Amino acid sequence: MAVTPDDKELLFLFKNTKTKEKGFTEILKKYQEKLYWHIRRMVVDHEDANDVLQNMFIKVWNALENFREDSQLYTWLYRVATNECLTFLEQQKKRASISLSDVENGLSNKLKSESGFDANKLEWKLQLGIQRLPEKQRLVFNLRYYDEMPYEEMSKVLETSEGALKASYHHAVKKIEDFILNH
């Protein structure tokens, strides 16, 4: 099995005109799945997640040349993916000119239409509870719970203080617990 090059090697490959495409392909291989699931948890729908991921990687291709390496590549990619998710959700709201709660209901309805959905199963209740969270809390919860991202790293991705993130995560957990217990 081939060893995945570290991020410094990947960036070196990308910044060399002869190996730029190879470097980008290796970055895709290394991070695509993690980023897909990060995006999917925010936008729910598989097709939407693929669209957001594709847009995100187009932005990465165009901006990676100027990446200053003052944060980890992984952190920077998550920030780009997160911003793309938020932009996508904002466009959904504007396109339909509906309220955020309608968008959240739409996400819940997409979830309910997934094959194998069973509202009585704990994992589905968890997903429905997550979809009811405000956008920022949902994002913080997903990064912490699913991606097990440390608060320090999260604060770089979301450009928010660690204290605010801890409070946001605490509130999200409480809301999800209340939802699960009362539904």
N, C-alpha and C. Protein backbone atom coordinates (compact mmCIF):
# COMPACT_ATOMS: atom_id res chain seq x y z
N MET A 1 0.84 -1.19 0.00
CA MET A 1 0.00 0.00 0.00
C MET A 1 0.88 1.25 0.00
N ALA A 2 0.54 2.19 -0.86
CA ALA A 2 1.34 3.41 -0.98
C ALA A 2 1.12 4.31 0.24
N VAL A 3 2.18 4.96 0.66
CA VAL A 3 2.10 5.89 1.78
C VAL A 3 1.65 7.25 1.24
N THR A 4 0.65 7.84 1.91
CA THR A 4 0.17 9.16 1.49
C THR A 4 1.22 10.20 1.85
N PRO A 5 1.60 11.02 0.87
CA PRO A 5 2.58 12.07 1.16
C PRO A 5 2.00 13.05 2.19
N ASP A 6 2.88 13.68 2.97
CA ASP A 6 2.37 14.66 3.93
C ASP A 6 2.00 15.95 3.19
N ASP A 7 1.34 16.84 3.90
CA ASP A 7 0.81 18.05 3.27
C ASP A 7 1.90 18.93 2.66
N LYS A 8 3.05 19.01 3.32
CA LYS A 8 4.14 19.83 2.77
C LYS A 8 4.59 19.30 1.40
N GLU A 9 4.68 17.98 1.29
CA GLU A 9 5.05 17.37 0.00
C GLU A 9 3.97 17.65 -1.04
N LEU A 10 2.71 17.54 -0.64
CA LEU A 10 1.61 17.78 -1.57
C LEU A 10 1.61 19.23 -2.06
N LEU A 11 1.84 20.15 -1.15
CA LEU A 11 1.89 21.57 -1.53
C LEU A 11 3.08 21.84 -2.44
N PHE A 12 4.21 21.19 -2.16
CA PHE A 12 5.39 21.33 -3.00
C PHE A 12 5.08 20.86 -4.42
N LEU A 13 4.42 19.70 -4.52
CA LEU A 13 4.03 19.17 -5.84
C LEU A 13 3.10 20.15 -6.56
N PHE A 14 2.12 20.67 -5.81
CA PHE A 14 1.13 21.57 -6.41
C PHE A 14 1.77 22.86 -6.90
N LYS A 15 2.72 23.38 -6.16
CA LYS A 15 3.31 24.68 -6.51
C LYS A 15 4.37 24.58 -7.62
N ASN A 16 4.72 23.36 -8.01
CA ASN A 16 5.64 23.14 -9.12
C ASN A 16 4.79 22.93 -10.38
N THR A 17 5.00 23.76 -11.41
CA THR A 17 4.15 23.70 -12.61
C THR A 17 4.15 22.31 -13.26
N LYS A 18 5.25 21.58 -13.18
CA LYS A 18 5.32 20.25 -13.80
C LYS A 18 4.49 19.20 -13.05
N THR A 19 4.33 19.39 -11.76
CA THR A 19 3.63 18.38 -10.95
C THR A 19 2.35 18.92 -10.30
N LYS A 20 1.89 20.07 -10.78
CA LYS A 20 0.72 20.73 -10.17
C LYS A 20 -0.50 19.81 -10.13
N GLU A 21 -0.85 19.22 -11.27
CA GLU A 21 -2.04 18.36 -11.33
C GLU A 21 -1.89 17.12 -10.45
N LYS A 22 -0.71 16.54 -10.43
CA LYS A 22 -0.46 15.37 -9.57
C LYS A 22 -0.64 15.77 -8.11
N GLY A 23 -0.10 16.90 -7.72
CA GLY A 23 -0.23 17.39 -6.35
C GLY A 23 -1.69 17.60 -5.97
N PHE A 24 -2.45 18.20 -6.87
CA PHE A 24 -3.87 18.45 -6.60
C PHE A 24 -4.64 17.13 -6.50
N THR A 25 -4.34 16.20 -7.39
CA THR A 25 -4.99 14.89 -7.36
C THR A 25 -4.72 14.18 -6.03
N GLU A 26 -3.50 14.29 -5.55
CA GLU A 26 -3.14 13.66 -4.27
C GLU A 26 -3.87 14.34 -3.11
N ILE A 27 -4.02 15.66 -3.16
CA ILE A 27 -4.78 16.39 -2.13
C ILE A 27 -6.22 15.92 -2.15
N LEU A 28 -6.78 15.79 -3.37
CA LEU A 28 -8.16 15.27 -3.51
C LEU A 28 -8.29 13.90 -2.87
N LYS A 29 -7.38 13.00 -3.23
CA LYS A 29 -7.42 11.63 -2.69
C LYS A 29 -7.39 11.63 -1.17
N LYS A 30 -6.53 12.48 -0.62
CA LYS A 30 -6.31 12.48 0.83
C LYS A 30 -7.51 13.05 1.60
N TYR A 31 -8.16 14.08 1.06
CA TYR A 31 -9.16 14.81 1.84
C TYR A 31 -10.60 14.75 1.32
N GLN A 32 -10.80 14.26 0.12
CA GLN A 32 -12.12 14.30 -0.51
C GLN A 32 -13.21 13.65 0.34
N GLU A 33 -12.97 12.46 0.85
CA GLU A 33 -14.02 11.76 1.60
C GLU A 33 -14.37 12.48 2.89
N LYS A 34 -13.36 12.91 3.64
CA LYS A 34 -13.61 13.64 4.89
C LYS A 34 -14.40 14.91 4.63
N LEU A 35 -14.00 15.63 3.59
CA LEU A 35 -14.69 16.89 3.25
C LEU A 35 -16.10 16.63 2.75
N TYR A 36 -16.29 15.56 1.98
CA TYR A 36 -17.64 15.21 1.51
C TYR A 36 -18.57 15.02 2.71
N TRP A 37 -18.14 14.25 3.70
CA TRP A 37 -19.02 13.97 4.84
C TRP A 37 -19.24 15.21 5.70
N HIS A 38 -18.24 16.06 5.79
CA HIS A 38 -18.42 17.34 6.50
C HIS A 38 -19.51 18.16 5.80
N ILE A 39 -19.42 18.24 4.49
CA ILE A 39 -20.40 19.00 3.70
C ILE A 39 -21.77 18.32 3.75
N ARG A 40 -21.80 17.02 3.60
CA ARG A 40 -23.07 16.28 3.58
C ARG A 40 -23.85 16.47 4.88
N ARG A 41 -23.15 16.49 6.00
CA ARG A 41 -23.85 16.70 7.27
C ARG A 41 -24.47 18.08 7.35
N MET A 42 -23.93 19.03 6.61
CA MET A 42 -24.49 20.39 6.62
C MET A 42 -25.65 20.53 5.64
N VAL A 43 -25.50 19.99 4.43
CA VAL A 43 -26.51 20.20 3.40
C VAL A 43 -27.45 19.01 3.23
N VAL A 44 -27.15 17.89 3.85
CA VAL A 44 -27.95 16.66 3.92
C VAL A 44 -28.01 15.88 2.60
N ASP A 45 -28.44 16.49 1.53
CA ASP A 45 -28.66 15.78 0.27
C ASP A 45 -27.33 15.42 -0.42
N HIS A 46 -27.25 14.18 -0.92
CA HIS A 46 -26.03 13.68 -1.57
C HIS A 46 -25.66 14.53 -2.79
N GLU A 47 -26.64 14.82 -3.66
CA GLU A 47 -26.35 15.61 -4.87
C GLU A 47 -25.86 17.00 -4.51
N ASP A 48 -26.53 17.63 -3.53
CA ASP A 48 -26.11 18.96 -3.09
C ASP A 48 -24.69 18.91 -2.52
N ALA A 49 -24.41 17.88 -1.74
CA ALA A 49 -23.07 17.73 -1.15
C ALA A 49 -22.02 17.60 -2.24
N ASN A 50 -22.31 16.81 -3.27
CA ASN A 50 -21.36 16.68 -4.38
C ASN A 50 -21.15 18.01 -5.09
N ASP A 51 -22.23 18.76 -5.31
CA ASP A 51 -22.11 20.08 -5.96
C ASP A 51 -21.26 21.02 -5.12
N VAL A 52 -21.53 21.07 -3.83
CA VAL A 52 -20.77 21.96 -2.94
C VAL A 52 -19.30 21.53 -2.92
N LEU A 53 -19.06 20.22 -2.84
CA LEU A 53 -17.68 19.71 -2.83
C LEU A 53 -16.95 20.10 -4.12
N GLN A 54 -17.63 19.95 -5.24
CA GLN A 54 -17.01 20.30 -6.52
C GLN A 54 -16.68 21.79 -6.57
N ASN A 55 -17.63 22.64 -6.15
CA ASN A 55 -17.38 24.08 -6.13
C ASN A 55 -16.23 24.42 -5.20
N MET A 56 -16.20 23.72 -4.07
CA MET A 56 -15.15 23.95 -3.09
C MET A 56 -13.78 23.61 -3.68
N PHE A 57 -13.67 22.49 -4.39
CA PHE A 57 -12.39 22.11 -4.96
C PHE A 57 -11.98 23.02 -6.13
N ILE A 58 -12.95 23.61 -6.83
CA ILE A 58 -12.62 24.61 -7.86
C ILE A 58 -11.99 25.82 -7.18
N LYS A 59 -12.59 26.25 -6.08
CA LYS A 59 -12.03 27.40 -5.32
C LYS A 59 -10.64 27.06 -4.80
N VAL A 60 -10.47 25.83 -4.31
CA VAL A 60 -9.17 25.40 -3.79
C VAL A 60 -8.13 25.44 -4.92
N TRP A 61 -8.48 24.91 -6.09
CA TRP A 61 -7.56 24.91 -7.23
C TRP A 61 -7.10 26.33 -7.55
N ASN A 62 -8.05 27.27 -7.51
CA ASN A 62 -7.73 28.66 -7.85
C ASN A 62 -6.98 29.41 -6.75
N ALA A 63 -7.15 28.99 -5.50
CA ALA A 63 -6.57 29.75 -4.38
C ALA A 63 -5.36 29.09 -3.74
N LEU A 64 -5.14 27.82 -4.01
CA LEU A 64 -4.08 27.09 -3.32
C LEU A 64 -2.69 27.66 -3.60
N GLU A 65 -2.52 28.22 -4.75
CA GLU A 65 -1.25 28.86 -5.12
C GLU A 65 -0.84 29.91 -4.09
N ASN A 66 -1.85 30.59 -3.52
CA ASN A 66 -1.59 31.68 -2.56
C ASN A 66 -1.71 31.24 -1.11
N PHE A 67 -1.88 29.94 -0.87
CA PHE A 67 -1.97 29.43 0.50
C PHE A 67 -0.64 29.71 1.20
N ARG A 68 -0.73 30.46 2.33
CA ARG A 68 0.49 30.93 3.01
C ARG A 68 1.06 29.91 3.99
N GLU A 69 0.36 28.83 4.22
CA GLU A 69 0.81 27.78 5.14
C GLU A 69 0.98 28.27 6.58
N ASP A 70 0.17 29.31 6.96
CA ASP A 70 0.20 29.73 8.35
C ASP A 70 -0.80 28.93 9.19
N SER A 71 -1.53 28.05 8.51
CA SER A 71 -2.35 27.05 9.20
C SER A 71 -2.13 25.73 8.46
N GLN A 72 -2.64 24.64 9.02
CA GLN A 72 -2.50 23.35 8.33
C GLN A 72 -3.37 23.34 7.08
N LEU A 73 -2.96 22.60 6.09
CA LEU A 73 -3.74 22.47 4.86
C LEU A 73 -5.16 21.98 5.18
N TYR A 74 -5.23 20.98 6.05
CA TYR A 74 -6.51 20.41 6.48
C TYR A 74 -7.45 21.49 7.04
N THR A 75 -6.91 22.36 7.90
CA THR A 75 -7.70 23.44 8.50
C THR A 75 -8.20 24.38 7.42
N TRP A 76 -7.34 24.74 6.51
CA TRP A 76 -7.70 25.65 5.43
C TRP A 76 -8.78 25.04 4.53
N LEU A 77 -8.62 23.76 4.20
CA LEU A 77 -9.62 23.07 3.35
C LEU A 77 -10.98 23.04 4.05
N TYR A 78 -10.98 22.76 5.35
CA TYR A 78 -12.24 22.76 6.11
C TYR A 78 -12.88 24.13 6.11
N ARG A 79 -12.06 25.18 6.21
CA ARG A 79 -12.60 26.54 6.20
C ARG A 79 -13.26 26.83 4.85
N VAL A 80 -12.58 26.45 3.76
CA VAL A 80 -13.15 26.66 2.42
C VAL A 80 -14.45 25.86 2.29
N ALA A 81 -14.44 24.60 2.74
CA ALA A 81 -15.64 23.75 2.65
C ALA A 81 -16.78 24.34 3.48
N THR A 82 -16.47 24.81 4.68
CA THR A 82 -17.48 25.39 5.56
C THR A 82 -18.09 26.63 4.92
N ASN A 83 -17.24 27.49 4.38
CA ASN A 83 -17.75 28.70 3.72
C ASN A 83 -18.63 28.35 2.53
N GLU A 84 -18.24 27.33 1.77
CA GLU A 84 -19.06 26.89 0.63
C GLU A 84 -20.43 26.38 1.10
N CYS A 85 -20.44 25.64 2.22
CA CYS A 85 -21.70 25.14 2.79
C CYS A 85 -22.60 26.31 3.18
N LEU A 86 -22.03 27.27 3.89
CA LEU A 86 -22.82 28.41 4.35
C LEU A 86 -23.34 29.23 3.16
N THR A 87 -22.50 29.39 2.14
CA THR A 87 -22.94 30.09 0.92
C THR A 87 -24.08 29.33 0.25
N PHE A 88 -23.94 28.02 0.14
CA PHE A 88 -24.97 27.19 -0.48
C PHE A 88 -26.29 27.31 0.29
N LEU A 89 -26.24 27.20 1.62
CA LEU A 89 -27.46 27.27 2.43
C LEU A 89 -28.10 28.66 2.32
N GLU A 90 -27.25 29.68 2.26
CA GLU A 90 -27.75 31.06 2.10
C GLU A 90 -28.46 31.21 0.75
N GLN A 91 -27.86 30.64 -0.30
CA GLN A 91 -28.48 30.69 -1.64
C GLN A 91 -29.81 29.95 -1.65
N GLN A 92 -29.88 28.83 -0.94
CA GLN A 92 -31.13 28.07 -0.86
C GLN A 92 -32.23 28.94 -0.26
N LYS A 93 -31.87 29.67 0.81
CA LYS A 93 -32.85 30.54 1.46
C LYS A 93 -33.30 31.65 0.51
N LYS A 94 -32.34 32.28 -0.16
CA LYS A 94 -32.67 33.39 -1.08
C LYS A 94 -33.47 32.90 -2.28
N ARG A 95 -33.03 31.78 -2.85
CA ARG A 95 -33.67 31.25 -4.04
C ARG A 95 -35.16 31.00 -3.79
N ALA A 96 -35.43 30.44 -2.65
CA ALA A 96 -36.81 30.12 -2.32
C ALA A 96 -37.47 31.29 -1.57
N SER A 97 -36.71 32.32 -1.27
CA SER A 97 -37.11 33.43 -0.41
C SER A 97 -38.03 32.97 0.72
N ILE A 98 -37.46 32.10 1.51
CA ILE A 98 -38.16 31.55 2.66
C ILE A 98 -37.31 31.72 3.90
N SER A 99 -37.88 31.46 5.03
CA SER A 99 -37.15 31.64 6.29
C SER A 99 -36.20 30.48 6.54
N LEU A 100 -35.29 30.70 7.46
CA LEU A 100 -34.34 29.65 7.84
C LEU A 100 -35.06 28.42 8.36
N SER A 101 -36.15 28.62 9.11
CA SER A 101 -36.87 27.46 9.65
C SER A 101 -37.45 26.62 8.51
N ASP A 102 -37.85 27.27 7.41
CA ASP A 102 -38.34 26.50 6.26
C ASP A 102 -37.21 25.69 5.62
N VAL A 103 -36.02 26.28 5.56
CA VAL A 103 -34.86 25.55 5.02
C VAL A 103 -34.56 24.36 5.92
N GLU A 104 -34.58 24.60 7.25
CA GLU A 104 -34.32 23.51 8.19
C GLU A 104 -35.37 22.42 8.07
N ASN A 105 -36.65 22.80 7.88
CA ASN A 105 -37.71 21.81 7.67
C ASN A 105 -37.44 21.05 6.38
N GLY A 106 -36.96 21.75 5.36
CA GLY A 106 -36.62 21.09 4.10
C GLY A 106 -35.51 20.08 4.29
N LEU A 107 -34.50 20.43 5.10
CA LEU A 107 -33.41 19.49 5.38
C LEU A 107 -33.95 18.28 6.14
N SER A 108 -34.85 18.52 7.09
CA SER A 108 -35.45 17.41 7.83
C SER A 108 -36.27 16.52 6.90
N ASN A 109 -36.99 17.14 5.97
CA ASN A 109 -37.79 16.35 5.02
C ASN A 109 -36.89 15.52 4.10
N LYS A 110 -35.75 16.08 3.69
CA LYS A 110 -34.80 15.30 2.87
C LYS A 110 -34.31 14.10 3.66
N LEU A 111 -34.02 14.34 4.92
CA LEU A 111 -33.56 13.27 5.80
C LEU A 111 -34.62 12.18 5.92
N LYS A 112 -35.87 12.59 6.11
CA LYS A 112 -36.97 11.63 6.26
C LYS A 112 -37.20 10.81 5.00
N SER A 113 -36.81 11.37 3.84
CA SER A 113 -37.02 10.64 2.59
C SER A 113 -35.88 9.67 2.27
N GLU A 114 -34.81 9.68 3.09
CA GLU A 114 -33.70 8.75 2.89
C GLU A 114 -34.20 7.32 3.05
N SER A 115 -33.64 6.39 2.25
CA SER A 115 -34.06 5.00 2.38
C SER A 115 -33.64 4.48 3.75
N GLY A 116 -34.49 3.69 4.36
CA GLY A 116 -34.18 3.13 5.67
C GLY A 116 -34.51 4.05 6.83
N PHE A 117 -35.12 5.22 6.54
CA PHE A 117 -35.45 6.15 7.62
C PHE A 117 -36.45 5.52 8.59
N ASP A 118 -36.16 5.62 9.87
CA ASP A 118 -37.06 5.14 10.92
C ASP A 118 -36.97 6.14 12.07
N ALA A 119 -38.01 6.95 12.24
CA ALA A 119 -38.01 8.03 13.22
C ALA A 119 -37.84 7.51 14.65
N ASN A 120 -38.07 6.23 14.89
CA ASN A 120 -37.94 5.69 16.23
C ASN A 120 -36.52 5.25 16.57
N LYS A 121 -35.67 5.12 15.57
CA LYS A 121 -34.30 4.70 15.82
C LYS A 121 -33.48 5.89 16.29
N LEU A 122 -32.63 5.65 17.27
CA LEU A 122 -31.86 6.71 17.90
C LEU A 122 -31.01 7.49 16.90
N GLU A 123 -30.34 6.80 15.95
CA GLU A 123 -29.48 7.52 15.02
C GLU A 123 -30.27 8.47 14.12
N TRP A 124 -31.52 8.11 13.78
CA TRP A 124 -32.37 9.00 12.98
C TRP A 124 -32.86 10.17 13.83
N LYS A 125 -33.18 9.89 15.10
CA LYS A 125 -33.58 10.97 16.01
C LYS A 125 -32.43 11.96 16.16
N LEU A 126 -31.21 11.43 16.28
CA LEU A 126 -30.04 12.29 16.39
C LEU A 126 -29.94 13.18 15.15
N GLN A 127 -30.07 12.59 13.97
CA GLN A 127 -29.98 13.38 12.73
C GLN A 127 -31.07 14.44 12.65
N LEU A 128 -32.29 14.08 13.03
CA LEU A 128 -33.38 15.06 13.01
C LEU A 128 -33.10 16.17 14.03
N GLY A 129 -32.58 15.80 15.19
CA GLY A 129 -32.23 16.80 16.19
C GLY A 129 -31.15 17.75 15.69
N ILE A 130 -30.16 17.21 15.00
CA ILE A 130 -29.08 18.03 14.45
C ILE A 130 -29.65 19.01 13.42
N GLN A 131 -30.58 18.55 12.58
CA GLN A 131 -31.13 19.42 11.54
C GLN A 131 -31.95 20.57 12.11
N ARG A 132 -32.41 20.44 13.33
CA ARG A 132 -33.19 21.51 13.96
C ARG A 132 -32.31 22.60 14.58
N LEU A 133 -31.01 22.32 14.68
CA LEU A 133 -30.09 23.31 15.26
C LEU A 133 -29.91 24.50 14.32
N PRO A 134 -29.65 25.68 14.89
CA PRO A 134 -29.26 26.81 14.03
C PRO A 134 -27.98 26.44 13.28
N GLU A 135 -27.80 27.05 12.12
CA GLU A 135 -26.69 26.73 11.22
C GLU A 135 -25.33 26.63 11.92
N LYS A 136 -24.96 27.67 12.67
CA LYS A 136 -23.64 27.70 13.32
C LYS A 136 -23.51 26.59 14.36
N GLN A 137 -24.56 26.37 15.15
CA GLN A 137 -24.50 25.30 16.15
C GLN A 137 -24.39 23.94 15.48
N ARG A 138 -25.11 23.76 14.37
CA ARG A 138 -25.05 22.49 13.63
C ARG A 138 -23.62 22.27 13.13
N LEU A 139 -23.01 23.32 12.63
CA LEU A 139 -21.65 23.23 12.12
C LEU A 139 -20.68 22.86 13.24
N VAL A 140 -20.77 23.55 14.37
CA VAL A 140 -19.89 23.27 15.51
C VAL A 140 -20.11 21.85 16.00
N PHE A 141 -21.37 21.44 16.13
CA PHE A 141 -21.67 20.09 16.60
C PHE A 141 -21.06 19.05 15.67
N ASN A 142 -21.26 19.21 14.36
CA ASN A 142 -20.74 18.24 13.39
C ASN A 142 -19.21 18.15 13.43
N LEU A 143 -18.55 19.31 13.50
CA LEU A 143 -17.08 19.30 13.53
C LEU A 143 -16.57 18.61 14.78
N ARG A 144 -17.22 18.84 15.90
CA ARG A 144 -16.76 18.27 17.17
C ARG A 144 -17.16 16.81 17.30
N TYR A 145 -18.43 16.50 17.04
CA TYR A 145 -18.96 15.16 17.28
C TYR A 145 -18.49 14.17 16.22
N TYR A 146 -18.64 14.51 14.96
CA TYR A 146 -18.30 13.56 13.89
C TYR A 146 -16.83 13.62 13.48
N ASP A 147 -16.29 14.83 13.34
CA ASP A 147 -14.91 14.96 12.88
C ASP A 147 -13.92 14.96 14.05
N GLU A 148 -14.46 15.00 15.28
CA GLU A 148 -13.63 15.01 16.49
C GLU A 148 -12.54 16.07 16.42
N MET A 149 -12.90 17.22 15.86
CA MET A 149 -11.96 18.31 15.70
C MET A 149 -11.77 19.02 17.04
N PRO A 150 -10.52 19.22 17.45
CA PRO A 150 -10.26 19.96 18.70
C PRO A 150 -10.76 21.41 18.58
N TYR A 151 -11.14 21.99 19.71
CA TYR A 151 -11.64 23.37 19.70
C TYR A 151 -10.62 24.34 19.11
N GLU A 152 -9.35 24.10 19.41
CA GLU A 152 -8.29 24.99 18.90
C GLU A 152 -8.30 25.00 17.36
N GLU A 153 -8.41 23.83 16.77
CA GLU A 153 -8.46 23.70 15.31
C GLU A 153 -9.75 24.33 14.77
N MET A 154 -10.85 24.05 15.45
CA MET A 154 -12.15 24.59 15.05
C MET A 154 -12.14 26.11 15.05
N SER A 155 -11.45 26.69 16.03
CA SER A 155 -11.44 28.15 16.12
C SER A 155 -10.71 28.75 14.91
N LYS A 156 -9.74 28.02 14.36
CA LYS A 156 -9.06 28.47 13.14
C LYS A 156 -9.96 28.33 11.92
N VAL A 157 -10.68 27.20 11.85
CA VAL A 157 -11.57 26.96 10.71
C VAL A 157 -12.70 27.99 10.69
N LEU A 158 -13.32 28.20 11.85
CA LEU A 158 -14.50 29.06 11.92
C LEU A 158 -14.19 30.51 12.31
N GLU A 159 -12.91 30.76 12.62
CA GLU A 159 -12.48 32.10 13.01
C GLU A 159 -13.33 32.65 14.16
N THR A 160 -13.47 31.82 15.20
CA THR A 160 -14.26 32.13 16.39
C THR A 160 -13.44 31.69 17.61
N SER A 161 -13.68 32.33 18.75
CA SER A 161 -12.94 31.97 19.96
C SER A 161 -13.31 30.57 20.42
N GLU A 162 -12.37 29.92 21.10
CA GLU A 162 -12.62 28.57 21.63
C GLU A 162 -13.76 28.59 22.64
N GLY A 163 -13.82 29.64 23.46
CA GLY A 163 -14.89 29.75 24.46
C GLY A 163 -16.27 29.79 23.82
N ALA A 164 -16.40 30.57 22.75
CA ALA A 164 -17.68 30.66 22.04
C ALA A 164 -18.05 29.31 21.43
N LEU A 165 -17.05 28.60 20.92
CA LEU A 165 -17.30 27.29 20.31
C LEU A 165 -17.74 26.27 21.35
N LYS A 166 -17.10 26.30 22.52
CA LYS A 166 -17.47 25.38 23.60
C LYS A 166 -18.91 25.65 24.04
N ALA A 167 -19.26 26.93 24.18
CA ALA A 167 -20.63 27.29 24.57
C ALA A 167 -21.61 26.84 23.50
N SER A 168 -21.27 27.06 22.24
CA SER A 168 -22.14 26.67 21.13
C SER A 168 -22.35 25.16 21.11
N TYR A 169 -21.27 24.41 21.30
CA TYR A 169 -21.37 22.95 21.32
C TYR A 169 -22.24 22.49 22.49
N HIS A 170 -22.04 23.09 23.65
CA HIS A 170 -22.82 22.75 24.84
C HIS A 170 -24.32 22.97 24.58
N HIS A 171 -24.65 24.13 23.99
CA HIS A 171 -26.07 24.43 23.69
C HIS A 171 -26.63 23.45 22.66
N ALA A 172 -25.81 23.12 21.67
CA ALA A 172 -26.25 22.17 20.63
C ALA A 172 -26.56 20.81 21.24
N VAL A 173 -25.66 20.33 22.09
CA VAL A 173 -25.85 19.02 22.75
C VAL A 173 -27.14 19.03 23.57
N LYS A 174 -27.35 20.11 24.31
CA LYS A 174 -28.55 20.23 25.16
C LYS A 174 -29.81 20.19 24.29
N LYS A 175 -29.83 20.93 23.19
CA LYS A 175 -31.00 20.96 22.30
C LYS A 175 -31.26 19.59 21.69
N ILE A 176 -30.19 18.91 21.29
CA ILE A 176 -30.33 17.57 20.70
C ILE A 176 -30.86 16.59 21.74
N GLU A 177 -30.30 16.66 22.96
CA GLU A 177 -30.80 15.77 24.04
C GLU A 177 -32.29 16.01 24.29
N ASP A 178 -32.69 17.28 24.38
CA ASP A 178 -34.10 17.62 24.59
C ASP A 178 -34.96 17.07 23.45
N PHE A 179 -34.48 17.22 22.22
CA PHE A 179 -35.24 16.72 21.07
C PHE A 179 -35.41 15.20 21.15
N ILE A 180 -34.32 14.50 21.42
CA ILE A 180 -34.36 13.03 21.46
C ILE A 180 -35.29 12.56 22.59
N LEU A 181 -35.21 13.18 23.74
CA LEU A 181 -36.03 12.77 24.87
C LEU A 181 -37.52 13.10 24.70
N ASN A 182 -37.82 14.12 23.91
CA ASN A 182 -39.21 14.57 23.80
C ASN A 182 -39.88 14.21 22.47
N HIS A 183 -39.21 13.42 21.63
CA HIS A 183 -39.82 13.03 20.34
C HIS A 183 -39.77 11.53 20.16
